[in-house]
Structures are given as structure tokens and as C-alpha cells.
Amino acid sequence: MTKAEIIEKVKEVIAAPSCCPEAKAACRAYLDAVGTEGEKAAEKAMIAELKEDVTSIEGFIAFSASDTGKKIFGEAQAKAMNEAAVKAQAAGAKYCICAACTAGGAILDELA
């Protein structure tokens, strides 16, 4: 992945509705640091934050099937999300299927 592609993935994480404030902040800090002597430190901090926040596909499948997942998403939406995640896992997905985890996982695969 080129640096430009990484930057696009970072922007995708920031734009994702499912992205937590801490990951948004770490990704913004990275973008602000690109091309400066602080870039490596910001990249390291972003990677550490993404490692904390990006959910595995197994974790998401378990969550979407749980009582908590059903309470948060509603029974029908949780079921649909779970089914989509199971299909994604069967197709080789490693990370949760939300936009933040998909882009964040791609960054981790490249940089971590």
C-alpha cells in the first residue's frame, strides 16, 4: 500500500460513523504529522489506538449475537449484521464489517 493509499484509509477511519473519538483523534494527529519529523511517532500512536479499537470478525459476530448487541442495534438489525458478518468471515474477512474497522484493519495489516 502506498503512503497515499494509507492516507486515504486513515481518512476513511475518521469519516466512519462507527469510529470512536479516540481513534478519530489519533488518525487526525497522524494526518497532521505526515511529512514532518513527528510522523513516525504519530503513526505509532495511531497504530496503538487502532489495535485497541479495531474488532476482529469473530468478536463482532459474538457481539452482534449477544443480548447487548441486540439491545444496542435492535433484534432485527443485530441479526442482519450477524448474518452479514458470518458471510464476510466465510469470504476471508479478518475484521468487523463496519467502515471504521474495515479501514482500520487495512491500516494495521499494512503498518503494524
Protein backbone atom coordinates (compact mmCIF):
# COMPACT_ATOMS: atom_id res chain seq x y z
CA MET A 1 0.00 0.00 0.00
CA THR A 2 1.38 3.40 -0.92
CA LYS A 3 1.51 6.30 1.53
CA ALA A 4 -1.32 7.94 -0.45
CA GLU A 5 -3.44 4.80 -0.03
CA ILE A 6 -2.68 4.70 3.70
CA ILE A 7 -3.71 8.35 3.99
CA GLU A 8 -6.99 7.54 2.22
CA LYS A 9 -7.64 4.66 4.64
CA VAL A 10 -6.91 6.99 7.57
CA LYS A 11 -9.46 9.44 6.16
CA GLU A 12 -11.96 6.58 5.84
CA VAL A 13 -11.50 5.74 9.53
CA ILE A 14 -12.10 9.37 10.50
CA ALA A 15 -15.22 9.61 8.31
CA ALA A 16 -16.76 6.37 9.58
CA PRO A 17 -19.81 6.89 11.79
CA SER A 18 -18.71 3.88 13.85
CA CYS A 19 -15.31 5.41 14.68
CA CYS A 20 -14.72 6.28 18.32
CA PRO A 21 -13.43 9.75 19.31
CA GLU A 22 -10.02 8.40 20.39
CA ALA A 23 -9.35 6.75 17.02
CA LYS A 24 -10.52 9.88 15.17
CA ALA A 25 -8.10 11.97 17.24
CA ALA A 26 -5.17 9.60 16.67
CA CYS A 27 -5.87 9.46 12.93
CA ARG A 28 -6.18 13.25 12.68
CA ALA A 29 -2.91 13.64 14.58
CA TYR A 30 -1.26 11.27 12.11
CA LEU A 31 -2.58 13.22 9.12
CA ASP A 32 -1.37 16.48 10.68
CA ALA A 33 2.09 14.95 11.19
CA VAL A 34 2.56 13.46 7.70
CA GLY A 35 5.70 14.90 6.17
CA THR A 36 7.04 16.22 9.47
CA GLU A 37 9.61 14.83 11.87
CA GLY A 38 6.72 13.82 14.14
CA GLU A 39 5.20 11.49 11.56
CA LYS A 40 6.69 8.23 12.91
CA ALA A 41 5.58 9.00 16.46
CA ALA A 42 2.07 9.89 15.29
CA GLU A 43 1.95 6.74 13.17
CA LYS A 44 2.98 4.64 16.18
CA ALA A 45 0.28 6.28 18.33
CA MET A 46 -2.34 5.74 15.63
CA ILE A 47 -1.40 2.08 15.30
CA ALA A 48 -1.60 1.60 19.07
CA GLU A 49 -5.07 3.18 19.12
CA LEU A 50 -6.29 1.13 16.16
CA LYS A 51 -5.04 -2.05 17.83
CA GLU A 52 -7.25 -1.19 20.80
CA ASP A 53 -10.30 -0.28 18.74
CA VAL A 54 -10.44 -2.46 15.64
CA THR A 55 -12.61 -5.50 16.36
CA SER A 56 -11.95 -8.93 14.92
CA ILE A 57 -14.65 -10.52 12.80
CA GLU A 58 -15.04 -13.20 15.48
CA GLY A 59 -15.52 -10.54 18.14
CA PHE A 60 -18.11 -8.73 16.06
CA ILE A 61 -20.01 -11.94 15.30
CA ALA A 62 -20.15 -12.72 19.01
CA PHE A 63 -21.19 -9.17 19.89
CA SER A 64 -23.92 -8.93 17.26
CA ALA A 65 -25.38 -12.23 18.52
CA SER A 66 -25.23 -11.20 22.18
CA ASP A 67 -28.00 -9.73 24.29
CA THR A 68 -26.03 -6.49 24.47
CA GLY A 69 -25.71 -6.34 20.69
CA LYS A 70 -29.43 -6.98 20.30
CA LYS A 71 -30.19 -4.26 22.82
CA ILE A 72 -27.94 -1.72 21.06
CA PHE A 73 -28.87 -2.49 17.46
CA GLY A 74 -32.34 -3.96 17.93
CA GLU A 75 -33.15 -7.62 17.35
CA ALA A 76 -33.66 -7.44 13.57
CA GLN A 77 -30.64 -5.23 12.86
CA ALA A 78 -28.37 -7.31 15.09
CA LYS A 79 -29.49 -10.46 13.27
CA ALA A 80 -28.86 -8.89 9.86
CA MET A 81 -25.45 -7.62 10.94
CA ASN A 82 -24.55 -11.02 12.36
CA GLU A 83 -25.53 -12.78 9.16
CA ALA A 84 -23.52 -10.28 7.08
CA ALA A 85 -20.51 -10.76 9.35
CA VAL A 86 -20.70 -14.55 9.13
CA LYS A 87 -20.76 -14.27 5.32
CA ALA A 88 -17.84 -11.83 5.39
CA GLN A 89 -15.86 -14.20 7.62
CA ALA A 90 -16.54 -17.07 5.23
CA ALA A 91 -15.19 -14.86 2.44
CA GLY A 92 -12.00 -14.23 4.42
CA ALA A 93 -12.71 -11.07 6.41
CA LYS A 94 -10.50 -10.62 9.47
CA TYR A 95 -12.16 -7.55 10.95
CA CYS A 96 -15.57 -6.25 11.90
CA ILE A 97 -17.52 -5.19 8.82
CA CYS A 98 -18.14 -1.59 9.90
CA ALA A 99 -16.36 1.13 7.94
CA ALA A 100 -14.02 2.08 10.80
CA CYS A 101 -12.83 -1.46 11.45
CA THR A 102 -12.54 -2.31 7.77
CA ALA A 103 -10.32 0.70 7.03
CA GLY A 104 -8.52 0.47 10.38
CA GLY A 105 -7.81 -3.21 9.80
CA ALA A 106 -6.32 -2.43 6.40
CA ILE A 107 -4.02 0.11 8.06
CA LEU A 108 -3.00 -2.42 10.71
CA ASP A 109 -2.33 -5.06 8.08
CA GLU A 110 0.00 -2.65 6.31
CA LEU A 111 1.74 -0.87 9.19
CA ALA A 112 1.51 -2.99 12.33
